[in-house]
Amino acid sequence: MQEAALARRAGANLEGASAHNRRVVFDLLRLSGPLSRAELARRTGLSSQTVSNIIEDFAAAGLVETGARVAGGRGQPPTPYRIRPSGGHAIGLHLDHHEVRGVVVDLSGAPVGRAKRWLHAGDPATRVSTLADLADELGRDLAAIDPAAPGRVLGIGLAMPGPFGLPLKSVAGRHADWIESAGDYVQSLTERTGLVVSLENDARMAAIGERMAGAARGLENFVQLFIGQGLGCAIVVEGEVVRGAARNAGEIGMLPAAMFGTPPPDDMPFATLEELVSLWAVARHLGLDPDMADLHDRLEGIRKGESPALADWIAMAADRLRVAVHLLETLFDPETILLGGQLSEPFLERIAAAMTPLLPSLSHRPGRTRPRLIIGTAGPWAVAIGAATEPIARTYAPRFQALLNPVV
């Protein structure tokens, strides 16, 4: 704890400042490219020489490519630069209660390969081997596309439900003892692949993906409200993901459901919010097995039909999420709240429509140009895609930690 406090008070040396400048230029090209060196210098406030050095380094590493010159003034038109998508790749793995989904993305965040495995056994050893096998398969698929690509893999993002570090037997009505082995999964993957493996909960990985390549591109302050096997939220403040002391910030689903709207059902008087609002909860309400292999297809089929049971669940969930939105807006004053998750986009849109009108809050102010609630990336692959963007964000996105000079 003392070392962390010292690091936060440390100054930046030239190496830290240089790393930050590289991240700023990369991020600007990612969000707004193609841009010329002069435009990059103007928009970043860096000197022309600094920008030129960074661009030359990026070009040598295969991270950028030139676009078509656009004539418009006197002299030779400037050369625009843009991120070269195939200049790097990253792997995202989403480990859930009954399956693992994996995705490979390029530097733009676009998926170039995906695969999944069904988990027939719940012991940690089976999960460890399944994760490693899936990572190997994705690496082989990437090599088939571009033989040089595996050498440019930035790392692996591993997403799984939280909370971490707690000996909980169940979370959101599901057995959770396997979550205690999170550290083993990271260590095994690192040893098997030789890549840096970063661990986050599913909601935070989804939010990282939203900021890198989704609905939150360009946003500095937002909250991702995520409906998965449980219910979580990810908090992004000034561009930084809030993790908390034990990496468990945002576990809103573990709060008592009684805090959010009407009292819980008589047969679940002490239910948590995620025991009523989650993928598991809607499956339970509809009489479906949450572990069935075709759960997402079954839910979509029911959504497309006229199901009074589903309409009742959506109305109940919307009432409670309306209160959750009010709470999050009051606490964090976000630019917007993203409603995302493993349900389909039409499913989430139906929930969002039922949440309207939202309760008045600090975010209900005149002059807003962005809706208070928007739909984020949805579907069963959303977390894996978000996890795959984490190594890219860790390597190239601007962040305060890149400026820190470690104090030892």
Protein backbone atom coordinates (compact mmCIF):
# COMPACT_ATOMS: atom_id res chain seq x y z
CA MET A 1 0.00 0.00 0.00
CA GLN A 2 2.82 2.41 0.90
CA GLU A 3 4.66 1.62 -2.36
CA ALA A 4 1.51 2.34 -4.36
CA ALA A 5 1.10 5.69 -2.64
CA LEU A 6 4.73 6.56 -3.36
CA ALA A 7 4.28 5.65 -7.02
CA ARG A 8 1.33 8.00 -7.32
CA ARG A 9 3.45 10.85 -6.00
CA ALA A 10 6.41 10.03 -8.25
CA GLY A 11 7.44 12.37 -11.02
CA ALA A 12 7.80 11.53 -14.68
CA ASN A 13 11.17 10.98 -16.29
CA LEU A 14 11.86 11.42 -20.01
CA GLU A 15 11.11 7.77 -20.69
CA GLY A 16 7.68 8.03 -19.08
CA ALA A 17 6.87 11.23 -20.96
CA SER A 18 8.00 9.66 -24.23
CA ALA A 19 5.78 6.62 -23.66
CA HIS A 20 2.83 8.90 -22.94
CA ASN A 21 3.45 10.93 -26.11
CA ARG A 22 3.51 7.76 -28.19
CA ARG A 23 0.21 6.68 -26.67
CA VAL A 24 -1.37 10.07 -27.38
CA VAL A 25 -0.35 9.99 -31.04
CA PHE A 26 -1.47 6.38 -31.48
CA ASP A 27 -4.84 7.08 -29.86
CA LEU A 28 -5.45 10.15 -32.00
CA LEU A 29 -4.69 8.19 -35.16
CA ARG A 30 -6.96 5.40 -33.96
CA LEU A 31 -9.86 7.74 -33.28
CA SER A 32 -9.44 10.39 -35.97
CA GLY A 33 -6.98 9.16 -38.61
CA PRO A 34 -5.80 9.48 -41.28
CA LEU A 35 -3.88 12.60 -40.19
CA SER A 36 -0.74 14.32 -41.42
CA ARG A 37 2.27 14.97 -39.19
CA ALA A 38 1.40 18.68 -39.08
CA GLU A 39 -2.18 17.91 -38.03
CA LEU A 40 -0.96 15.47 -35.38
CA ALA A 41 1.40 18.11 -33.99
CA ARG A 42 -1.35 20.72 -33.94
CA ARG A 43 -3.91 18.50 -32.23
CA THR A 44 -1.55 16.97 -29.67
CA GLY A 45 0.47 20.09 -28.85
CA LEU A 46 3.69 18.16 -29.48
CA SER A 47 6.54 19.56 -31.53
CA SER A 48 6.80 18.65 -35.20
CA GLN A 49 10.09 16.86 -34.53
CA THR A 50 8.58 14.78 -31.72
CA VAL A 51 5.66 13.75 -33.93
CA SER A 52 8.00 12.91 -36.80
CA ASN A 53 10.12 10.72 -34.54
CA ILE A 54 7.05 8.89 -33.24
CA ILE A 55 5.64 8.34 -36.73
CA GLU A 56 8.99 7.03 -37.97
CA ASP A 57 9.13 4.59 -35.04
CA PHE A 58 5.55 3.47 -35.71
CA ALA A 59 6.27 3.02 -39.42
CA ALA A 60 9.39 0.96 -38.70
CA ALA A 61 7.34 -1.28 -36.40
CA GLY A 62 4.59 -1.67 -38.99
CA LEU A 63 2.00 0.10 -36.84
CA VAL A 64 1.02 2.81 -39.31
CA GLU A 65 0.54 3.09 -43.05
CA THR A 66 0.16 6.03 -45.39
CA GLY A 67 -3.08 7.01 -47.02
CA ALA A 68 -3.78 8.84 -50.27
CA ARG A 69 -2.56 12.41 -50.37
CA VAL A 70 -5.29 15.02 -50.72
CA ALA A 71 -4.38 18.09 -52.76
CA GLY A 72 -5.86 21.37 -51.65
CA GLY A 73 -3.24 24.03 -51.37
CA ARG A 74 0.11 25.07 -52.73
CA GLY A 75 3.02 22.71 -52.90
CA GLN A 76 3.19 19.02 -52.25
CA PRO A 77 0.11 17.75 -50.37
CA PRO A 78 0.91 16.32 -46.91
CA THR A 79 1.07 12.57 -46.34
CA PRO A 80 -1.74 11.28 -44.12
CA TYR A 81 -1.06 8.42 -41.69
CA ARG A 82 -3.43 5.87 -40.23
CA ILE A 83 -3.21 2.84 -37.99
CA ARG A 84 -2.32 -0.33 -39.89
CA PRO A 85 -4.83 -2.86 -38.53
CA SER A 86 -2.64 -5.88 -39.24
CA GLY A 87 0.30 -4.26 -37.45
CA GLY A 88 -0.64 -6.05 -34.26
CA HIS A 89 -3.16 -8.44 -32.77
CA ALA A 90 -4.47 -9.44 -29.37
CA ILE A 91 -6.41 -12.36 -27.94
CA GLY A 92 -9.45 -12.10 -25.69
CA LEU A 93 -10.80 -15.00 -23.63
CA HIS A 94 -14.11 -14.97 -21.79
CA LEU A 95 -14.27 -17.69 -19.15
CA ASP A 96 -17.81 -18.20 -17.92
CA HIS A 97 -19.66 -20.77 -15.84
CA HIS A 98 -20.20 -23.23 -18.65
CA GLU A 99 -18.18 -22.09 -21.65
CA VAL A 100 -15.10 -20.27 -22.91
CA ARG A 101 -15.24 -17.91 -25.87
CA GLY A 102 -12.11 -16.58 -27.55
CA VAL A 103 -11.53 -13.81 -30.08
CA VAL A 104 -8.53 -12.44 -31.96
CA VAL A 105 -8.71 -8.77 -32.96
CA ASP A 106 -6.45 -6.50 -35.00
CA LEU A 107 -5.29 -3.05 -33.94
CA SER A 108 -8.61 -1.51 -34.98
CA GLY A 109 -10.43 -3.82 -32.57
CA ALA A 110 -12.08 -5.75 -35.40
CA PRO A 111 -12.36 -9.52 -34.80
CA VAL A 112 -10.40 -11.64 -37.28
CA GLY A 113 -11.05 -15.01 -35.64
CA ARG A 114 -13.16 -16.59 -32.94
CA ALA A 115 -13.76 -19.97 -31.30
CA LYS A 116 -15.55 -21.41 -28.28
CA ARG A 117 -15.47 -24.44 -26.02
CA TRP A 118 -18.17 -25.97 -23.87
CA LEU A 119 -17.13 -26.75 -20.29
CA HIS A 120 -18.50 -30.14 -19.33
CA ALA A 121 -16.66 -30.18 -15.99
CA GLY A 122 -16.30 -27.35 -13.52
CA ASP A 123 -13.01 -28.18 -11.84
CA PRO A 124 -10.18 -25.61 -12.18
CA ALA A 125 -7.87 -28.04 -14.01
CA THR A 126 -10.41 -28.51 -16.78
CA ARG A 127 -10.89 -24.77 -17.10
CA VAL A 128 -7.12 -24.14 -17.17
CA SER A 129 -6.52 -26.66 -19.94
CA THR A 130 -9.54 -25.43 -21.92
CA LEU A 131 -8.31 -21.84 -21.79
CA ALA A 132 -4.83 -22.83 -22.93
CA ASP A 133 -6.13 -25.06 -25.73
CA LEU A 134 -8.40 -22.30 -27.01
CA ALA A 135 -5.55 -19.76 -26.95
CA ASP A 136 -3.41 -22.19 -28.96
CA GLU A 137 -6.19 -22.68 -31.50
CA LEU A 138 -6.64 -18.94 -31.95
CA GLY A 139 -2.90 -18.57 -32.44
CA ARG A 140 -2.92 -21.25 -35.15
CA ASP A 141 -5.87 -19.60 -36.87
CA LEU A 142 -4.05 -16.27 -36.83
CA ALA A 143 -0.91 -17.86 -38.31
CA ALA A 144 -3.02 -19.31 -41.11
CA ILE A 145 -4.16 -15.79 -42.00
CA ASP A 146 -0.70 -14.23 -41.70
CA PRO A 147 2.35 -16.36 -40.81
CA ALA A 148 4.07 -13.35 -39.24
CA ALA A 149 1.06 -12.31 -37.16
CA PRO A 150 1.68 -14.53 -34.07
CA GLY A 151 4.92 -12.64 -33.50
CA ARG A 152 2.94 -9.41 -33.23
CA VAL A 153 0.42 -10.56 -30.61
CA LEU A 154 0.41 -7.96 -27.83
CA GLY A 155 -1.04 -10.19 -25.14
CA ILE A 156 -4.13 -11.91 -23.81
CA GLY A 157 -7.06 -10.33 -22.03
CA LEU A 158 -8.83 -12.78 -19.72
CA ALA A 159 -12.34 -11.90 -18.56
CA MET A 160 -14.43 -13.80 -16.05
CA PRO A 161 -17.16 -13.07 -13.52
CA GLY A 162 -16.21 -11.53 -10.19
CA PRO A 163 -15.83 -10.78 -7.42
CA PHE A 164 -12.18 -11.75 -6.97
CA GLY A 165 -10.41 -12.80 -3.80
CA LEU A 166 -13.50 -13.84 -1.87
CA PRO A 167 -14.38 -17.43 -0.83
CA LEU A 168 -17.92 -17.26 -2.16
CA LYS A 169 -19.82 -20.48 -2.81
CA SER A 170 -22.32 -18.85 -5.15
CA VAL A 171 -22.79 -15.64 -7.11
CA ALA A 172 -26.09 -14.71 -8.74
CA GLY A 173 -27.44 -18.13 -7.87
CA ARG A 174 -24.57 -19.96 -9.59
CA HIS A 175 -21.74 -21.94 -8.01
CA ALA A 176 -18.70 -19.68 -7.78
CA ASP A 177 -15.92 -21.70 -6.15
CA TRP A 178 -14.09 -21.91 -9.49
CA ILE A 179 -13.69 -18.12 -9.52
CA GLU A 180 -11.23 -18.45 -6.61
CA SER A 181 -8.76 -20.02 -9.06
CA ALA A 182 -8.45 -16.83 -11.15
CA GLY A 183 -4.74 -16.50 -10.34
CA ASP A 184 -4.10 -20.06 -11.51
CA TYR A 185 -5.73 -19.34 -14.86
CA VAL A 186 -3.48 -16.30 -15.39
CA GLN A 187 -0.32 -18.16 -14.40
CA SER A 188 -1.10 -21.17 -16.57
CA LEU A 189 -1.87 -19.08 -19.64
CA THR A 190 1.28 -17.02 -19.15
CA GLU A 191 3.44 -20.13 -18.91
CA ARG A 192 1.72 -21.83 -21.85
CA THR A 193 1.79 -18.90 -24.27
CA GLY A 194 4.67 -16.70 -23.10
CA LEU A 195 2.35 -13.70 -23.43
CA VAL A 196 1.33 -11.12 -20.87
CA VAL A 197 -2.10 -12.09 -19.51
CA SER A 198 -4.29 -9.45 -17.87
CA LEU A 199 -7.34 -10.32 -15.76
CA GLU A 200 -10.48 -8.23 -15.38
CA ASN A 201 -14.09 -8.98 -14.60
CA ASP A 202 -16.49 -9.26 -17.51
CA ALA A 203 -18.07 -5.82 -17.07
CA ARG A 204 -14.72 -4.00 -17.07
CA MET A 205 -13.48 -5.88 -20.11
CA ALA A 206 -16.67 -4.98 -21.95
CA ALA A 207 -16.17 -1.32 -21.01
CA ILE A 208 -12.56 -1.33 -22.23
CA GLY A 209 -13.81 -2.70 -25.53
CA GLU A 210 -16.51 -0.03 -25.73
CA ARG A 211 -13.94 2.74 -25.25
CA MET A 212 -11.46 1.27 -27.71
CA ALA A 213 -13.79 0.31 -30.54
CA GLY A 214 -17.42 0.56 -29.46
CA ALA A 215 -20.14 2.94 -28.36
CA ALA A 216 -17.87 4.78 -25.89
CA ARG A 217 -15.17 5.80 -28.39
CA GLY A 218 -13.90 9.23 -27.37
CA LEU A 219 -15.70 9.26 -24.00
CA GLU A 220 -13.71 10.02 -20.85
CA ASN A 221 -16.41 9.50 -18.21
CA PHE A 222 -19.01 6.77 -18.53
CA VAL A 223 -20.46 3.76 -16.74
CA GLN A 224 -21.09 0.40 -18.35
CA LEU A 225 -24.08 -1.40 -16.84
CA PHE A 226 -23.56 -5.01 -17.85
CA ILE A 227 -26.13 -7.81 -17.84
CA GLY A 228 -24.23 -11.10 -17.91
CA GLN A 229 -24.38 -14.21 -15.77
CA GLY A 230 -24.61 -11.65 -12.98
CA LEU A 231 -25.05 -7.89 -13.04
CA GLY A 232 -22.05 -5.61 -12.86
CA CYS A 233 -20.96 -2.15 -13.79
CA ALA A 234 -17.65 -0.73 -14.94
CA ILE A 235 -16.73 2.82 -14.04
CA VAL A 236 -14.50 4.93 -16.30
CA VAL A 237 -13.37 8.28 -14.85
CA GLU A 238 -11.18 10.64 -16.89
CA GLY A 239 -10.36 7.77 -19.22
CA GLU A 240 -9.20 5.43 -16.44
CA VAL A 241 -11.04 2.25 -15.49
CA VAL A 242 -11.76 2.23 -11.75
CA ARG A 243 -10.73 -1.14 -10.30
CA GLY A 244 -10.78 -0.64 -6.53
CA ALA A 245 -8.48 -1.93 -3.80
CA ALA A 246 -9.20 -5.61 -4.57
CA ARG A 247 -10.25 -5.18 -8.23
CA ASN A 248 -13.91 -5.51 -7.24
CA ALA A 249 -15.22 -2.00 -7.91
CA GLY A 250 -18.60 -1.92 -9.61
CA GLU A 251 -20.17 -5.12 -8.28
CA ILE A 252 -23.57 -3.45 -8.15
CA GLY A 253 -25.37 -6.76 -8.60
CA MET A 254 -24.35 -7.87 -5.12
CA LEU A 255 -26.37 -5.10 -3.47
CA PRO A 256 -29.72 -6.09 -1.93
CA ALA A 257 -32.52 -6.08 -4.48
CA ALA A 258 -34.70 -4.30 -1.90
CA MET A 259 -32.66 -1.13 -2.55
CA PHE A 260 -33.92 -1.03 -6.14
CA GLY A 261 -37.65 -0.57 -6.46
CA THR A 262 -40.25 -2.95 -5.07
CA PRO A 263 -39.47 -5.62 -2.46
CA PRO A 264 -38.08 -8.90 -3.84
CA PRO A 265 -40.37 -11.92 -4.28
CA ASP A 266 -41.61 -13.70 -1.16
CA ASP A 267 -39.58 -16.80 -2.00
CA MET A 268 -36.36 -14.70 -2.27
CA PRO A 269 -36.69 -12.11 0.52
CA PHE A 270 -32.93 -11.49 0.73
CA ALA A 271 -32.19 -11.65 -2.98
CA THR A 272 -29.37 -9.60 -4.43
CA LEU A 273 -30.05 -7.41 -7.46
CA GLU A 274 -28.31 -9.82 -9.84
CA GLU A 275 -30.40 -12.73 -8.58
CA LEU A 276 -33.34 -10.90 -10.15
CA VAL A 277 -31.66 -9.05 -13.05
CA SER A 278 -29.15 -11.16 -14.97
CA LEU A 279 -28.88 -13.81 -17.64
CA TRP A 280 -29.32 -16.45 -14.96
CA ALA A 281 -32.34 -14.65 -13.55
CA VAL A 282 -34.24 -14.37 -16.83
CA ALA A 283 -33.51 -18.02 -17.63
CA ARG A 284 -34.82 -19.04 -14.21
CA HIS A 285 -37.92 -16.86 -14.66
CA LEU A 286 -38.66 -18.51 -18.01
CA GLY A 287 -38.05 -22.02 -16.73
CA LEU A 288 -34.86 -22.54 -18.77
CA ASP A 289 -31.65 -24.23 -17.70
CA PRO A 290 -29.00 -21.44 -17.49
CA ASP A 291 -26.32 -23.96 -18.47
CA MET A 292 -27.99 -25.16 -21.66
CA ALA A 293 -25.74 -24.92 -24.71
CA ASP A 294 -28.30 -23.03 -26.80
CA LEU A 295 -29.49 -20.62 -24.09
CA HIS A 296 -28.87 -17.50 -26.18
CA ASP A 297 -30.79 -18.92 -29.13
CA ARG A 298 -33.66 -19.98 -26.87
CA LEU A 299 -33.87 -16.53 -25.29
CA GLU A 300 -33.90 -14.91 -28.72
CA GLY A 301 -36.68 -17.18 -29.85
CA ILE A 302 -38.76 -16.26 -26.81
CA ARG A 303 -37.99 -12.56 -27.29
CA LYS A 304 -39.28 -12.67 -30.84
CA GLY A 305 -42.55 -14.23 -29.72
CA GLU A 306 -45.36 -13.04 -27.48
CA SER A 307 -44.30 -14.23 -24.04
CA PRO A 308 -46.20 -12.82 -21.04
CA ALA A 309 -43.55 -14.30 -18.73
CA LEU A 310 -40.77 -12.44 -20.53
CA ALA A 311 -42.81 -9.22 -20.56
CA ASP A 312 -43.25 -9.53 -16.79
CA TRP A 313 -39.51 -10.06 -16.27
CA ILE A 314 -38.56 -7.11 -18.48
CA ALA A 315 -40.95 -4.83 -16.60
CA MET A 316 -39.50 -5.93 -13.26
CA ALA A 317 -35.89 -5.63 -14.47
CA ALA A 318 -36.52 -2.21 -16.03
CA ASP A 319 -37.99 -0.86 -12.79
CA ARG A 320 -34.91 -1.93 -10.83
CA LEU A 321 -32.42 -0.81 -13.48
CA ARG A 322 -34.10 2.60 -13.58
CA VAL A 323 -33.14 3.03 -9.92
CA ALA A 324 -29.64 1.71 -10.63
CA VAL A 325 -29.15 4.31 -13.34
CA HIS A 326 -30.23 7.06 -10.97
CA LEU A 327 -27.75 5.83 -8.37
CA LEU A 328 -24.85 5.62 -10.83
CA GLU A 329 -25.57 9.03 -12.32
CA THR A 330 -25.68 10.59 -8.87
CA LEU A 331 -22.42 8.98 -7.76
CA PHE A 332 -20.30 9.39 -10.89
CA ASP A 333 -21.87 12.09 -13.09
CA PRO A 334 -21.05 10.18 -16.30
CA GLU A 335 -21.36 11.50 -19.83
CA THR A 336 -23.67 8.55 -20.44
CA ILE A 337 -24.47 5.08 -19.19
CA LEU A 338 -24.05 2.15 -21.55
CA LEU A 339 -26.45 -0.74 -21.20
CA GLY A 340 -24.65 -3.81 -22.51
CA GLY A 341 -24.33 -7.49 -21.86
CA GLN A 342 -24.70 -10.99 -23.16
CA LEU A 343 -28.32 -10.49 -24.18
CA SER A 344 -28.90 -9.49 -27.80
CA GLU A 345 -29.09 -5.84 -28.84
CA PRO A 346 -32.86 -6.05 -29.58
CA PHE A 347 -33.33 -7.62 -26.14
CA LEU A 348 -31.41 -4.78 -24.47
CA GLU A 349 -33.31 -2.20 -26.53
CA ARG A 350 -36.56 -3.65 -25.23
CA ILE A 351 -35.31 -3.35 -21.64
CA ALA A 352 -34.11 0.22 -22.27
CA ALA A 353 -37.49 1.18 -23.73
CA ALA A 354 -39.20 -0.17 -20.61
CA MET A 355 -36.86 1.97 -18.47
CA THR A 356 -38.19 5.13 -20.11
CA PRO A 357 -38.73 7.67 -18.71
CA LEU A 358 -35.61 7.58 -16.54
CA LEU A 359 -35.84 9.01 -13.06
CA PRO A 360 -34.76 12.66 -12.76
CA SER A 361 -31.16 12.92 -11.61
CA LEU A 362 -28.11 15.15 -11.81
CA SER A 363 -27.72 13.94 -15.40
CA HIS A 364 -31.19 15.21 -16.30
CA ARG A 365 -29.98 18.67 -17.22
CA PRO A 366 -30.65 21.13 -20.04
CA GLY A 367 -28.28 21.29 -22.97
CA ARG A 368 -27.39 17.60 -23.06
CA THR A 369 -26.18 16.45 -26.46
CA ARG A 370 -25.85 12.78 -25.57
CA PRO A 371 -28.63 10.49 -24.29
CA ARG A 372 -28.38 9.46 -20.65
CA LEU A 373 -28.67 5.80 -21.61
CA ILE A 374 -27.35 4.16 -24.79
CA ILE A 375 -27.06 0.56 -25.94
CA GLY A 376 -23.54 -0.83 -25.99
CA THR A 377 -22.04 -3.91 -27.56
CA ALA A 378 -24.34 -6.86 -26.98
CA GLY A 379 -24.48 -10.60 -27.40
CA PRO A 380 -22.58 -13.64 -26.17
CA TRP A 381 -19.30 -12.51 -27.81
CA ALA A 382 -19.29 -8.98 -26.33
CA VAL A 383 -17.01 -9.78 -23.39
CA ALA A 384 -14.46 -11.75 -25.43
CA ILE A 385 -14.21 -8.90 -27.94
CA GLY A 386 -13.74 -6.41 -25.11
CA ALA A 387 -11.10 -8.62 -23.51
CA ALA A 388 -9.18 -8.76 -26.78
CA THR A 389 -8.93 -4.97 -26.91
CA GLU A 390 -7.45 -4.78 -23.40
CA PRO A 391 -3.86 -5.64 -24.46
CA ILE A 392 -4.11 -2.96 -27.16
CA ALA A 393 -5.36 -0.41 -24.62
CA ARG A 394 -2.69 -1.47 -22.14
CA THR A 395 0.02 -1.01 -24.76
CA TYR A 396 -1.11 2.07 -26.66
CA ALA A 397 -3.99 3.95 -24.99
CA PRO A 398 -3.10 7.13 -23.06
CA ARG A 399 -3.20 6.63 -19.31
CA PHE A 400 -1.84 8.39 -16.29
CA GLN A 401 0.21 5.38 -15.17
CA ALA A 402 2.37 5.69 -18.28
CA LEU A 403 3.79 8.88 -16.83
CA LEU A 404 4.70 7.42 -13.46
CA ASN A 405 8.31 7.02 -12.45
CA PRO A 406 8.44 3.98 -10.12
CA VAL A 407 9.90 4.70 -6.70
CA VAL A 408 11.73 1.79 -5.07
